[in-house]
Amino acid sequence: MENEISYVPMEDDFRKALRARYYVPVRKNIILISVMVIAFYVIVVSGASSGAKDGFLEFLGKREGGETVAVSMGALYFWLAIALGFFYLLFLFRLLRYKIHYKKDAEFGQIVKEKVHVTDVVYTPAGINIYWLDSESILTFTPEPYYHFKVGDSVAIYYLKYSKEYLAYDFS
C-alpha cells in the first residue's frame, strides 16, 4: 500500500525559524571555541615566555651529562599554533554539520504532507497514546491536539523532509 505524498509551501517566518535553529547554535559555538583557543594560546605562550631562558624553554632539568633538554620558543609557538589550528578546524567542520537538517529543510522550503494509516496503537498509563504508522519517514506520532485513532484509520501527517520532525495532522 503506497502512501500519497504531496508538498505544502512553507511560510517565510517558519523558514526563518528553521534557519535560526541551525545558524544560532553554530554561531554561538564558533565564537565560544574561538575565544577558548585564543585564550589557551595566550596562556601557554605567556607561561612559556616567563620560564624561557635566552629564547629556549628547558624541559626535565639537567641530564646525567650536565646537558638540558630545551625547545626554541619560536618552534614552540609554531607547533602550538599548528596543533591548535588543526583542532580548531576539526571542531569547526563538526559544528557545521550540527543540525544541518534544519538548514536543508529551510532551503527546500516545503512541508511534506503524507496520507498514512495507523498500524498499531500503544496505550500508555498517562492516557497519551502513541500511534504507529505505515510511513517510512515518520514511524510514530502522538497527536496534538489529542484525538483517539483506531488501527486502520487514515490520517494525513505533516513533517519536515530532512529532519523527519512531525508537525501536525489532519483528516483530509
Protein backbone atom coordinates (compact mmCIF):
# COMPACT_ATOMS: atom_id res chain seq x y z
CA MET A 1 0.00 0.00 0.00
CA GLU A 2 1.73 3.18 -1.25
CA ASN A 3 1.15 6.37 0.72
CA GLU A 4 0.07 9.54 -1.05
CA ILE A 5 2.70 12.30 -0.68
CA SER A 6 2.29 15.99 -1.51
CA TYR A 7 4.15 19.17 -0.58
CA VAL A 8 2.93 22.35 1.05
CA PRO A 9 4.99 25.57 0.72
CA MET A 10 6.47 26.91 3.98
CA GLU A 11 5.70 30.37 5.25
CA ASP A 12 8.65 32.74 5.35
CA ASP A 13 8.52 33.06 9.15
CA PHE A 14 8.76 29.30 9.57
CA ARG A 15 11.69 29.13 7.12
CA LYS A 16 13.50 31.84 9.09
CA ALA A 17 12.85 29.94 12.33
CA LEU A 18 14.24 26.73 10.81
CA ARG A 19 17.30 28.56 9.52
CA ALA A 20 17.80 30.05 13.00
CA ARG A 21 17.71 26.54 14.54
CA TYR A 22 20.85 25.83 12.51
CA TYR A 23 22.74 29.14 12.49
CA VAL A 24 22.23 30.36 16.08
CA PRO A 25 23.87 27.38 17.85
CA VAL A 26 26.63 27.18 15.23
CA ARG A 27 27.41 30.89 15.53
CA LYS A 28 27.46 30.78 19.35
CA ASN A 29 29.68 27.69 19.43
CA ILE A 30 32.12 29.10 16.87
CA ILE A 31 32.53 32.23 18.97
CA LEU A 32 32.99 30.15 22.14
CA ILE A 33 35.57 27.83 20.57
CA SER A 34 37.45 30.77 19.02
CA VAL A 35 37.69 32.54 22.36
CA MET A 36 38.82 29.34 24.11
CA VAL A 37 41.53 28.61 21.51
CA ILE A 38 42.87 32.15 21.67
CA ALA A 39 42.83 32.14 25.47
CA PHE A 40 44.61 28.77 25.59
CA TYR A 41 47.28 30.00 23.17
CA VAL A 42 47.83 33.22 25.14
CA ILE A 43 48.05 31.37 28.47
CA VAL A 44 50.50 28.77 27.16
CA VAL A 45 52.65 31.34 25.36
CA SER A 46 52.77 33.71 28.32
CA GLY A 47 53.57 30.85 30.69
CA ALA A 48 56.29 29.53 28.41
CA SER A 49 57.72 33.02 27.90
CA SER A 50 58.03 33.57 31.62
CA GLY A 51 60.02 30.35 32.01
CA ALA A 52 62.27 30.82 28.99
CA LYS A 53 65.99 31.49 29.26
CA ASP A 54 67.79 33.05 26.29
CA GLY A 55 64.94 32.14 23.90
CA PHE A 56 64.76 28.49 24.95
CA LEU A 57 62.41 26.64 27.25
CA GLU A 58 64.12 23.94 29.30
CA PHE A 59 62.42 20.63 30.00
CA LEU A 60 63.24 17.91 32.53
CA GLY A 61 66.07 19.82 34.20
CA LYS A 62 69.63 18.60 33.78
CA ARG A 63 70.55 15.17 32.48
CA GLU A 64 73.39 12.93 33.65
CA GLY A 65 75.98 14.57 31.41
CA GLY A 66 75.03 18.06 32.56
CA GLU A 67 73.09 18.92 29.41
CA THR A 68 69.46 20.06 29.38
CA VAL A 69 66.61 19.35 27.00
CA ALA A 70 65.42 22.68 25.59
CA VAL A 71 62.99 23.81 22.93
CA SER A 72 63.28 27.03 20.97
CA MET A 73 60.46 29.45 21.77
CA GLY A 74 59.88 30.05 18.05
CA ALA A 75 59.44 26.31 17.45
CA LEU A 76 57.11 26.05 20.44
CA TYR A 77 54.94 28.90 19.15
CA PHE A 78 54.89 27.44 15.65
CA TRP A 79 53.94 23.88 16.61
CA LEU A 80 51.43 25.06 19.20
CA ALA A 81 49.74 27.23 16.55
CA ILE A 82 49.69 24.31 14.08
CA ALA A 83 48.16 21.94 16.66
CA LEU A 84 45.55 24.47 17.81
CA GLY A 85 44.70 25.34 14.20
CA PHE A 86 44.19 21.65 13.39
CA PHE A 87 41.87 21.09 16.34
CA TYR A 88 40.06 24.37 15.67
CA LEU A 89 39.33 23.32 12.07
CA LEU A 90 38.30 19.84 13.21
CA PHE A 91 35.76 21.27 15.66
CA LEU A 92 34.65 23.87 13.12
CA PHE A 93 33.78 21.26 10.50
CA ARG A 94 31.98 19.16 13.11
CA LEU A 95 29.97 22.21 14.20
CA LEU A 96 28.94 23.00 10.64
CA ARG A 97 27.31 19.55 10.41
CA TYR A 98 25.43 20.09 13.70
CA LYS A 99 21.67 20.24 12.98
CA ILE A 100 22.33 20.60 9.24
CA HIS A 101 18.94 19.02 8.51
CA TYR A 102 17.18 22.22 9.62
CA LYS A 103 19.19 24.22 7.09
CA LYS A 104 18.31 21.71 4.36
CA ASP A 105 14.61 21.89 5.27
CA ALA A 106 14.68 25.69 5.15
CA GLU A 107 16.37 25.61 1.74
CA PHE A 108 13.90 23.01 0.48
CA GLY A 109 11.04 25.32 1.51
CA GLN A 110 8.34 22.64 1.51
CA ILE A 111 6.49 20.72 4.21
CA VAL A 112 5.70 17.09 3.38
CA LYS A 113 2.07 16.02 3.64
CA GLU A 114 1.73 12.25 3.64
CA LYS A 115 -1.50 10.29 3.86
CA VAL A 116 -0.79 7.33 6.16
CA HIS A 117 -2.65 4.60 8.03
CA VAL A 118 -2.46 3.72 11.72
CA THR A 119 -0.96 0.23 12.05
CA ASP A 120 -0.74 -0.11 15.83
CA VAL A 121 -1.70 1.76 18.99
CA VAL A 122 0.39 1.77 22.18
CA TYR A 123 -1.67 2.70 25.22
CA THR A 124 0.29 4.45 27.95
CA PRO A 125 -0.69 4.74 31.62
CA ALA A 126 -0.92 8.53 31.27
CA GLY A 127 -3.60 8.12 28.63
CA ILE A 128 -1.49 9.66 25.84
CA ASN A 129 -1.45 7.01 23.16
CA ILE A 130 1.38 6.51 20.69
CA TYR A 131 0.33 5.62 17.15
CA TRP A 132 2.48 3.55 14.78
CA LEU A 133 2.15 4.44 11.11
CA ASP A 134 2.84 2.72 7.81
CA SER A 135 5.13 5.58 6.72
CA GLU A 136 8.86 5.11 6.11
CA SER A 137 9.68 8.65 7.28
CA ILE A 138 7.57 9.11 10.40
CA LEU A 139 7.14 5.85 12.27
CA THR A 140 5.17 7.08 15.29
CA PHE A 141 3.32 10.18 16.38
CA THR A 142 1.31 11.48 19.29
CA PRO A 143 -1.30 13.92 18.01
CA GLU A 144 -1.61 17.39 19.47
CA PRO A 145 -4.44 18.43 19.97
CA TYR A 146 -5.22 14.97 21.18
CA TYR A 147 -7.50 12.62 19.23
CA HIS A 148 -8.11 8.87 19.55
CA PHE A 149 -7.31 6.84 16.44
CA LYS A 150 -8.02 3.17 15.80
CA VAL A 151 -5.95 0.67 13.84
CA GLY A 152 -6.65 1.17 10.14
CA ASP A 153 -7.65 4.85 10.41
CA SER A 154 -6.34 7.11 7.67
CA VAL A 155 -4.69 10.41 8.59
CA ALA A 156 -2.57 12.99 6.79
CA ILE A 157 0.57 13.97 8.68
CA TYR A 158 2.79 16.97 8.04
CA TYR A 159 6.53 16.75 8.68
CA LEU A 160 9.88 18.18 7.65
CA LYS A 161 11.58 16.21 4.90
CA TYR A 162 15.20 16.09 6.12
CA SER A 163 14.82 16.33 9.90
CA LYS A 164 11.82 13.96 9.93
CA GLU A 165 10.20 16.19 12.54
CA TYR A 166 6.44 15.68 12.96
CA LEU A 167 4.49 18.97 12.78
CA ALA A 168 0.73 18.32 12.58
CA TYR A 169 -2.05 16.07 11.29
CA ASP A 170 -5.43 16.41 9.63
CA PHE A 171 -8.17 14.15 8.27
CA SER A 172 -8.03 15.09 4.59
